[in-house]
Protein backbone atom coordinates (compact mmCIF):
# COMPACT_ATOMS: atom_id res chain seq x y z
CA MET A 1 40.08 -87.72 69.30
CA THR A 2 37.87 -87.74 66.25
CA LEU A 3 37.27 -85.06 63.65
CA LEU A 4 33.70 -86.26 63.06
CA THR A 5 30.60 -85.71 65.14
CA PRO A 6 28.47 -88.84 65.68
CA ALA A 7 25.83 -87.53 63.27
CA VAL A 8 28.40 -86.93 60.53
CA ARG A 9 30.03 -90.32 61.04
CA ALA A 10 26.69 -92.12 60.77
CA GLN A 11 25.61 -90.18 57.68
CA ALA A 12 28.96 -90.60 55.92
CA ARG A 13 28.69 -94.38 56.31
CA ALA A 14 25.04 -94.49 55.28
CA LEU A 15 25.42 -92.65 51.96
CA ARG A 16 25.30 -94.77 48.84
CA ASP A 17 28.29 -94.67 46.51
CA ASP A 18 26.27 -92.70 43.95
CA GLU A 19 25.47 -90.08 46.64
CA LEU A 20 29.15 -89.23 47.06
CA PRO A 21 30.86 -86.82 47.27
CA CYS A 22 28.60 -85.04 49.71
CA TYR A 23 28.86 -82.02 51.95
CA LEU A 24 27.58 -82.75 55.44
CA TYR A 25 26.64 -79.88 57.70
CA ASP A 26 25.98 -80.61 61.37
CA LEU A 27 23.55 -77.84 62.31
CA ALA A 28 23.50 -78.82 65.99
CA ALA A 29 27.29 -78.41 66.10
CA LEU A 30 26.93 -75.03 64.39
CA ARG A 31 24.34 -73.87 66.93
CA GLU A 32 26.52 -74.96 69.84
CA HIS A 33 29.56 -73.15 68.47
CA ALA A 34 27.68 -69.97 67.55
CA SER A 35 26.05 -69.89 70.97
CA SER A 36 29.44 -70.17 72.70
CA VAL A 37 30.86 -67.36 70.55
CA ARG A 38 27.91 -65.12 71.31
CA ALA A 39 28.18 -65.85 75.04
CA ALA A 40 31.89 -64.98 75.04
CA LEU A 41 31.34 -61.51 73.57
CA PRO A 42 30.49 -58.58 75.84
CA GLY A 43 27.02 -57.12 75.42
CA PRO A 44 28.09 -53.85 73.76
CA VAL A 45 29.90 -55.70 70.94
CA GLU A 46 27.85 -56.52 67.86
CA LEU A 47 28.40 -59.71 65.88
CA TYR A 48 27.78 -59.74 62.12
CA TYR A 49 28.41 -62.86 60.04
CA ALA A 50 30.36 -62.43 56.80
CA ALA A 51 28.10 -64.34 54.41
CA LYS A 52 30.89 -64.83 51.85
CA ALA A 53 32.28 -67.64 54.05
CA ASN A 54 29.21 -69.84 53.51
CA ALA A 55 25.83 -68.51 52.41
CA GLU A 56 23.82 -71.74 52.43
CA PRO A 57 20.31 -70.70 53.53
CA ALA A 58 20.19 -73.35 56.25
CA ILE A 59 23.48 -72.02 57.66
CA LEU A 60 22.24 -68.43 57.62
CA ARG A 61 19.01 -69.36 59.38
CA GLU A 62 20.86 -71.23 62.12
CA LEU A 63 23.17 -68.27 62.71
CA ALA A 64 20.46 -65.59 62.74
CA PRO A 65 19.50 -65.95 66.45
CA PHE A 66 23.13 -65.53 67.52
CA THR A 67 24.08 -62.58 65.31
CA ASP A 68 23.15 -58.92 65.05
CA GLY A 69 23.18 -59.01 61.26
CA PHE A 70 24.96 -60.18 58.12
CA GLU A 71 27.66 -58.61 55.97
CA VAL A 72 27.20 -59.05 52.20
CA SER A 73 29.63 -58.10 49.45
CA SER A 74 27.69 -58.12 46.18
CA GLY A 75 24.23 -57.62 44.76
CA GLY A 76 23.88 -61.37 44.43
CA GLU A 77 24.76 -62.00 48.07
CA LEU A 78 22.44 -59.18 49.09
CA ALA A 79 19.42 -60.70 47.33
CA HIS A 80 20.26 -64.22 48.49
CA VAL A 81 20.75 -63.33 52.16
CA ARG A 82 17.70 -61.07 52.24
CA ARG A 83 15.58 -64.00 51.02
CA ALA A 84 17.10 -66.46 53.49
CA VAL A 85 16.92 -64.26 56.61
CA PRO A 86 14.54 -61.45 55.63
CA ARG A 87 14.36 -59.79 59.05
CA SER A 88 18.10 -59.62 59.74
CA PRO A 89 19.96 -56.29 59.35
CA LEU A 90 22.47 -56.17 56.50
CA ALA A 91 25.74 -54.33 55.96
CA PHE A 92 26.83 -53.95 52.33
CA GLY A 93 30.61 -54.09 51.95
CA GLY A 94 33.20 -55.04 49.37
CA PRO A 95 35.09 -53.06 46.70
CA GLY A 96 33.73 -52.28 43.27
CA LYS A 97 30.04 -51.80 44.05
CA THR A 98 28.19 -51.02 40.83
CA PRO A 99 25.52 -48.30 40.57
CA SER A 100 22.87 -50.97 40.02
CA GLU A 101 23.98 -52.87 43.13
CA ILE A 102 23.89 -49.71 45.21
CA ALA A 103 20.39 -48.92 43.94
CA ALA A 104 19.25 -52.47 44.68
CA ALA A 105 20.67 -52.24 48.20
CA LEU A 106 18.77 -49.01 48.82
CA ARG A 107 15.54 -50.56 47.53
CA ALA A 108 16.09 -53.56 49.79
CA GLY A 109 16.46 -51.32 52.82
CA VAL A 110 20.08 -52.18 53.60
CA GLU A 111 20.86 -50.60 56.94
CA ARG A 112 24.61 -49.98 56.54
CA PHE A 113 27.03 -49.29 53.72
CA HIS A 114 30.78 -49.83 54.12
CA VAL A 115 31.98 -47.21 51.65
CA GLU A 116 35.32 -47.99 49.99
CA SER A 117 36.18 -44.74 48.16
CA LEU A 118 35.16 -41.16 47.52
CA HIS A 119 33.79 -42.19 44.12
CA GLU A 120 31.65 -44.87 45.74
CA LEU A 121 30.40 -42.34 48.29
CA ARG A 122 29.35 -40.02 45.45
CA LEU A 123 27.53 -42.89 43.71
CA LEU A 124 25.72 -43.75 46.94
CA THR A 125 24.83 -40.11 47.56
CA ARG A 126 23.34 -39.72 44.09
CA ALA A 127 21.40 -42.99 44.34
CA ALA A 128 20.05 -42.06 47.77
CA ALA A 129 19.04 -38.60 46.51
CA GLU A 130 17.12 -40.18 43.63
CA ARG A 131 15.08 -42.04 46.21
CA ARG A 132 14.15 -38.78 47.95
CA GLY A 133 10.78 -39.06 49.60
CA THR A 134 10.93 -42.80 50.22
CA ARG A 135 9.97 -43.85 53.71
CA GLY A 136 12.35 -45.27 56.28
CA PRO A 137 15.51 -44.20 58.07
CA ARG A 138 18.56 -42.94 56.23
CA PRO A 139 21.11 -45.66 55.51
CA ARG A 140 24.12 -45.52 57.82
CA VAL A 141 27.54 -45.01 56.25
CA LEU A 142 30.79 -46.36 57.63
CA LEU A 143 33.90 -45.22 55.80
CA ARG A 144 36.23 -48.15 55.23
CA LEU A 145 39.80 -47.04 55.88
CA ASN A 146 43.08 -48.70 55.00
CA LEU A 147 44.97 -47.65 58.10
CA PRO A 148 48.78 -47.66 58.10
CA VAL A 149 49.27 -49.85 61.16
CA ASP A 150 52.50 -51.15 62.62
CA ALA A 151 53.63 -54.04 60.42
CA GLN A 152 54.26 -56.11 63.54
CA ALA A 153 50.51 -55.99 64.24
CA LEU A 154 49.89 -58.07 61.10
CA THR A 155 52.57 -60.68 61.89
CA GLY A 156 51.10 -64.15 61.63
CA SER A 157 48.18 -63.11 59.43
CA ALA A 158 47.17 -65.56 56.72
CA LEU A 159 45.99 -62.74 54.46
CA ALA A 160 46.70 -59.01 54.70
CA MET A 161 43.82 -56.86 53.44
CA GLY A 162 45.43 -53.56 54.33
CA GLY A 163 48.11 -51.83 56.33
CA GLY A 164 50.03 -51.09 53.12
CA ALA A 165 49.07 -50.33 49.54
CA ALA A 166 45.88 -52.29 48.82
CA PRO A 167 42.68 -52.11 46.72
CA PHE A 168 40.54 -52.20 49.85
CA GLY A 169 39.21 -49.12 51.60
CA MET A 170 40.22 -45.50 51.23
CA ASP A 171 43.42 -43.80 52.27
CA PRO A 172 43.06 -42.02 55.64
CA SER A 173 44.10 -38.77 53.92
CA GLU A 174 40.71 -38.82 52.17
CA ALA A 175 38.69 -39.07 55.39
CA GLY A 176 38.31 -35.29 55.65
CA ASP A 177 36.95 -35.00 52.10
CA ALA A 178 34.56 -37.88 52.76
CA TRP A 179 33.26 -36.18 55.87
CA LYS A 180 32.71 -32.92 54.00
CA LEU A 181 30.61 -34.78 51.46
CA LEU A 182 28.65 -36.63 54.15
CA SER A 183 27.95 -33.44 56.09
CA GLY A 184 27.11 -31.50 52.91
CA ASP A 185 25.32 -32.84 49.85
CA ALA A 186 24.69 -36.27 51.40
CA ALA A 187 23.38 -35.11 54.77
CA ASP A 188 19.71 -35.29 53.79
CA HIS A 189 20.00 -38.84 52.48
CA LEU A 190 22.74 -40.66 54.40
CA GLU A 191 23.62 -40.87 58.07
CA PRO A 192 27.36 -40.82 58.91
CA ALA A 193 27.86 -43.54 61.49
CA GLY A 194 31.57 -44.21 61.83
CA LEU A 195 34.48 -46.18 60.44
CA HIS A 196 35.17 -49.68 59.18
CA VAL A 197 38.65 -51.24 59.30
CA HIS A 198 39.41 -54.80 58.21
CA LEU A 199 43.14 -55.32 57.73
CA ALA A 200 43.99 -59.00 58.13
CA SER A 201 42.74 -62.55 58.24
CA GLY A 202 43.96 -65.54 60.22
CA LEU A 203 45.06 -63.87 63.45
CA SER A 204 45.07 -65.41 66.92
CA ALA A 205 42.96 -63.89 69.70
CA GLU A 206 46.01 -62.15 71.16
CA ALA A 207 47.00 -60.69 67.79
CA GLN A 208 43.43 -59.67 67.00
CA LEU A 209 43.17 -57.80 70.29
CA ALA A 210 46.47 -55.99 69.74
CA LEU A 211 45.35 -54.97 66.26
CA THR A 212 41.92 -53.88 67.56
CA GLU A 213 43.58 -51.65 70.17
CA GLU A 214 45.74 -50.04 67.52
CA ILE A 215 42.75 -49.55 65.22
CA LEU A 216 40.66 -47.93 67.96
CA GLY A 217 43.47 -45.59 68.92
CA ARG A 218 44.04 -44.50 65.34
CA VAL A 219 40.38 -44.05 64.36
CA THR A 220 39.63 -42.11 67.54
CA ALA A 221 42.47 -39.71 66.79
CA LEU A 222 41.50 -39.41 63.11
CA ALA A 223 37.84 -38.77 63.96
CA GLY A 224 38.89 -36.08 66.40
CA ARG A 225 41.04 -34.32 63.79
CA HIS A 226 38.30 -34.21 61.18
CA GLY A 227 35.23 -33.90 63.40
CA LEU A 228 33.95 -37.26 62.16
CA PRO A 229 31.09 -38.81 64.13
CA LEU A 230 32.19 -42.11 65.65
CA ARG A 231 29.05 -43.88 66.78
CA GLU A 232 30.14 -47.23 65.30
CA VAL A 233 33.50 -48.86 64.62
CA THR A 234 33.76 -52.17 62.76
CA VAL A 235 37.13 -53.83 63.36
CA GLY A 236 36.64 -56.63 60.83
CA GLY A 237 36.82 -60.40 61.12
CA GLY A 238 39.60 -62.76 60.17
CA MET A 239 39.70 -64.85 63.34
CA ALA A 240 42.13 -67.72 62.78
CA VAL A 241 41.12 -71.24 61.78
CA ASP A 242 44.21 -73.46 61.94
CA TYR A 243 43.88 -76.34 59.48
CA THR A 244 47.08 -77.89 60.82
CA ARG A 245 45.60 -78.07 64.34
CA PRO A 246 41.95 -78.94 63.72
CA PHE A 247 41.18 -79.58 67.38
CA GLU A 248 42.27 -76.09 68.43
CA ARG A 249 39.96 -73.11 68.05
CA PHE A 250 40.20 -69.36 68.28
CA ASP A 251 40.07 -68.31 71.93
CA TRP A 252 36.75 -66.51 71.94
CA THR A 253 36.68 -66.23 75.75
CA ALA A 254 39.98 -64.34 75.86
CA PHE A 255 38.99 -62.28 72.84
CA GLY A 256 35.65 -61.31 74.38
CA ALA A 257 37.31 -60.27 77.64
CA GLY A 258 39.83 -58.21 75.69
CA LEU A 259 37.08 -56.51 73.69
CA ALA A 260 35.33 -55.59 76.93
CA ARG A 261 38.53 -53.92 78.16
CA ALA A 262 38.95 -52.15 74.82
CA ALA A 263 35.37 -50.86 74.97
CA ARG A 264 36.01 -49.41 78.42
CA ARG A 265 39.19 -47.69 77.24
CA HIS A 266 37.43 -46.28 74.16
CA PRO A 267 33.90 -45.46 75.38
CA GLY A 268 31.30 -44.16 72.98
CA PRO A 269 31.22 -46.07 69.70
CA VAL A 270 29.55 -49.44 69.32
CA LEU A 271 32.18 -52.05 68.44
CA ARG A 272 31.36 -54.58 65.74
CA ILE A 273 33.14 -57.69 64.47
CA GLU A 274 32.41 -59.60 61.24
CA PRO A 275 33.79 -63.15 61.42
CA GLY A 276 33.01 -65.69 58.72
CA ARG A 277 35.29 -68.72 58.55
CA ALA A 278 35.69 -68.94 62.34
CA LEU A 279 31.92 -69.35 62.78
CA THR A 280 31.13 -72.00 60.18
CA ALA A 281 34.31 -73.89 59.24
CA TYR A 282 33.81 -76.44 62.01
CA CYS A 283 30.24 -77.38 61.09
CA GLY A 284 31.02 -78.73 57.59
CA TRP A 285 32.56 -81.95 56.25
CA TYR A 286 33.23 -83.22 52.73
CA ALA A 287 32.66 -86.97 52.49
CA THR A 288 33.90 -88.98 49.55
CA GLU A 289 34.98 -92.43 48.37
CA VAL A 290 38.38 -93.81 47.42
CA LEU A 291 38.15 -94.90 43.77
CA ASP A 292 41.66 -96.24 43.36
CA VAL A 293 44.98 -96.60 45.16
CA LYS A 294 48.28 -96.58 43.31
CA ARG A 295 51.95 -96.34 44.10
CA SER A 296 54.38 -94.03 42.29
CA ARG A 297 58.11 -93.79 42.99
CA GLY A 298 57.63 -95.15 46.48
CA GLU A 299 54.66 -92.92 47.37
CA ASP A 300 51.05 -94.04 47.80
CA PHE A 301 48.22 -92.08 46.16
CA ALA A 302 44.50 -92.44 46.79
CA ILE A 303 42.23 -91.12 44.04
CA VAL A 304 38.84 -90.03 45.38
CA ARG A 305 35.56 -88.99 43.83
CA GLY A 306 35.46 -85.23 43.49
CA GLY A 307 38.46 -83.09 44.38
CA THR A 308 39.42 -79.44 44.46
CA HIS A 309 36.64 -78.50 42.02
CA HIS A 310 34.39 -79.22 45.02
CA LEU A 311 36.76 -78.35 47.89
CA ARG A 312 39.24 -75.75 46.72
CA THR A 313 40.27 -74.64 50.21
CA PRO A 314 43.49 -76.68 50.57
CA VAL A 315 44.97 -75.68 47.20
CA THR A 316 43.93 -72.05 47.76
CA LYS A 317 45.50 -71.78 51.21
CA GLY A 318 48.32 -74.24 50.57
CA HIS A 319 47.53 -76.67 53.36
CA ASP A 320 46.52 -80.29 53.81
CA GLN A 321 42.83 -80.60 54.62
CA PRO A 322 42.41 -82.56 57.87
CA ALA A 323 40.57 -85.83 57.27
CA GLU A 324 39.48 -89.11 58.81
CA VAL A 325 39.16 -92.49 57.12
CA LEU A 326 36.06 -94.66 57.45
CA PRO A 327 36.84 -98.26 56.44
CA MET A 328 34.08 -99.91 54.39
CA ASP A 329 33.80 -103.68 54.13
CA ASP A 330 31.83 -103.87 50.90
CA TRP A 331 33.90 -104.32 47.70
CA PRO A 332 31.71 -105.13 44.66
CA HIS A 333 34.56 -105.15 42.12
CA PRO A 334 36.93 -107.95 41.02
CA PRO A 335 39.87 -108.70 43.34
CA PRO A 336 42.45 -107.73 44.30
CA ARG A 337 41.31 -104.63 46.20
CA PRO A 338 43.91 -101.84 45.82
CA ALA A 339 45.38 -100.67 49.14
CA VAL A 340 48.18 -98.44 50.37
CA ARG A 341 51.46 -100.13 51.28
CA GLY A 342 52.78 -97.59 53.74
CA ASP A 343 51.37 -95.58 56.62
CA ARG A 344 50.80 -92.33 54.73
CA VAL A 345 49.02 -91.45 51.52
CA THR A 346 48.46 -88.44 49.27
CA VAL A 347 44.77 -87.94 48.59
CA ALA A 348 44.09 -86.56 45.10
CA GLY A 349 40.93 -85.89 43.13
CA GLN A 350 39.71 -86.66 39.64
CA LEU A 351 40.99 -83.56 37.84
CA CYS A 352 43.68 -83.55 35.16
CA THR A 353 46.03 -81.30 37.10
CA PRO A 354 48.75 -82.02 39.67
CA LYS A 355 47.23 -79.32 41.87
CA ASP A 356 44.14 -81.44 42.52
CA VAL A 357 45.39 -82.56 45.92
CA LEU A 358 43.29 -82.47 49.08
CA SER A 359 45.83 -83.81 51.55
CA ARG A 360 49.45 -84.95 51.47
CA GLY A 361 50.90 -87.37 53.98
CA LEU A 362 47.55 -88.35 55.47
CA VAL A 363 48.11 -91.04 58.08
CA ALA A 364 45.98 -93.89 56.73
CA PRO A 365 47.62 -97.33 57.08
CA GLY A 366 45.58 -99.99 55.32
CA LEU A 367 43.46 -97.51 53.31
CA ARG A 368 41.73 -99.35 50.47
CA ALA A 369 39.74 -98.50 47.41
CA GLY A 370 36.11 -98.35 48.48
CA ASP A 371 36.88 -96.84 51.88
CA ARG A 372 35.58 -93.37 52.65
CA VAL A 373 37.50 -90.25 53.50
CA VAL A 374 35.76 -87.41 55.34
CA PHE A 375 37.46 -84.02 55.25
CA ALA A 376 36.82 -81.73 58.22
CA LEU A 377 36.77 -77.91 58.52
CA ALA A 378 34.84 -77.73 55.25
CA GLY A 379 32.10 -75.39 56.44
CA ALA A 380 33.62 -72.18 55.06
CA TYR A 381 35.23 -71.04 51.80
CA ALA A 382 34.87 -74.54 50.41
CA TRP A 383 32.18 -75.35 47.83
CA ASN A 384 31.35 -71.69 47.31
CA ILE A 385 34.86 -70.73 46.13
CA SER A 386 35.55 -73.84 44.03
CA HIS A 387 35.82 -74.05 40.22
CA HIS A 388 32.69 -76.18 39.91
CA ASP A 389 32.54 -76.81 36.19
CA PHE A 390 36.13 -77.78 35.42
CA LEU A 391 35.93 -81.20 33.63
CA MET A 392 32.16 -81.17 34.25
CA HIS A 393 32.13 -83.85 36.93
CA PRO A 394 28.84 -84.21 38.86
CA ARG A 395 28.24 -81.74 41.64
CA PRO A 396 28.35 -82.96 45.25
CA GLY A 397 25.32 -83.60 47.39
CA PHE A 398 24.37 -81.55 50.42
CA ARG A 399 22.93 -82.87 53.68
CA PHE A 400 21.97 -80.68 56.62
CA LEU A 401 21.96 -82.79 59.76
CA THR A 402 19.71 -81.96 62.69
CA PRO A 403 19.13 -83.87 65.93
């Protein structure tokens, strides 16, 4: 099996040395994957894309037909996504919203706010009141809760966002006070819509479904106690992408069937999910060139153009980025041509830090300087979370491949 689509393989070979490193996005592969995800979800379930995973305008435009909207988490993301997909509904989430960001979101006509605290709800209420008389529907408010779920429900998660003490969301004990505010001073300006719960990232379909069932049971009971309206429930994203098994994907078919069962058991509210990484990771590749090969204490190292200042994902998550080698015959430099001696090699970048490693133990017998290495699963949380300016190396290129 190959990690590269035919379009990516051809483009990675065709790039000149001075065009590397380069991000390659296969938009046809993205469309195919997004379409299959959408088809697997039952009709009543809404699909929002978490733009933080990859907010390239071309990516957003390709996803728009398959999604019900986009989740943004800052004023900058809000403005960027609104420009890229101006007709798509937006949900404004994330902790630490500033008064100016809230005001900008109201001016932009953001449809939903995921409110993280009582203080934030008061800021939103005041900002909405100051816009009294403006035309359009009231923004919908979903209270983000940090539910105390069974710890076993978060087993296997790559990143826990809640369930215990955390800076995300409000404590369920504050839900009653939030509802009093929404049904009192805020009632003329904001529409209470429901609850938002995002507790973990990196769960399998089975684990996601178990967590969703627990969330729905708890929010239904909490809403009943406080008289909270529950027209919408967002159960978050965090669908697993396994970098150690790049050919395996989250089981969207099983997940969709499970969501349909959950919706039948908890009739009434619209269910919403907000995946990011699991939608776009598979459509992106990072192509680069081997600059040098050296051996140290019996271990082979390949030094490539670029590094973790372009693709920070592996050092952030502590994994080896899956990759494929493309041998290149041209060698314009004096002989001999450096090459690995063993079957495996550690691929490192150009930075002056031992943490600048993209992959350890990559199977690459015969790898030579001048060959190309193409890293897969680079379509999410890659360039956009990297420390771009460290050592001031050139930025990578970007190619968006279409049929």
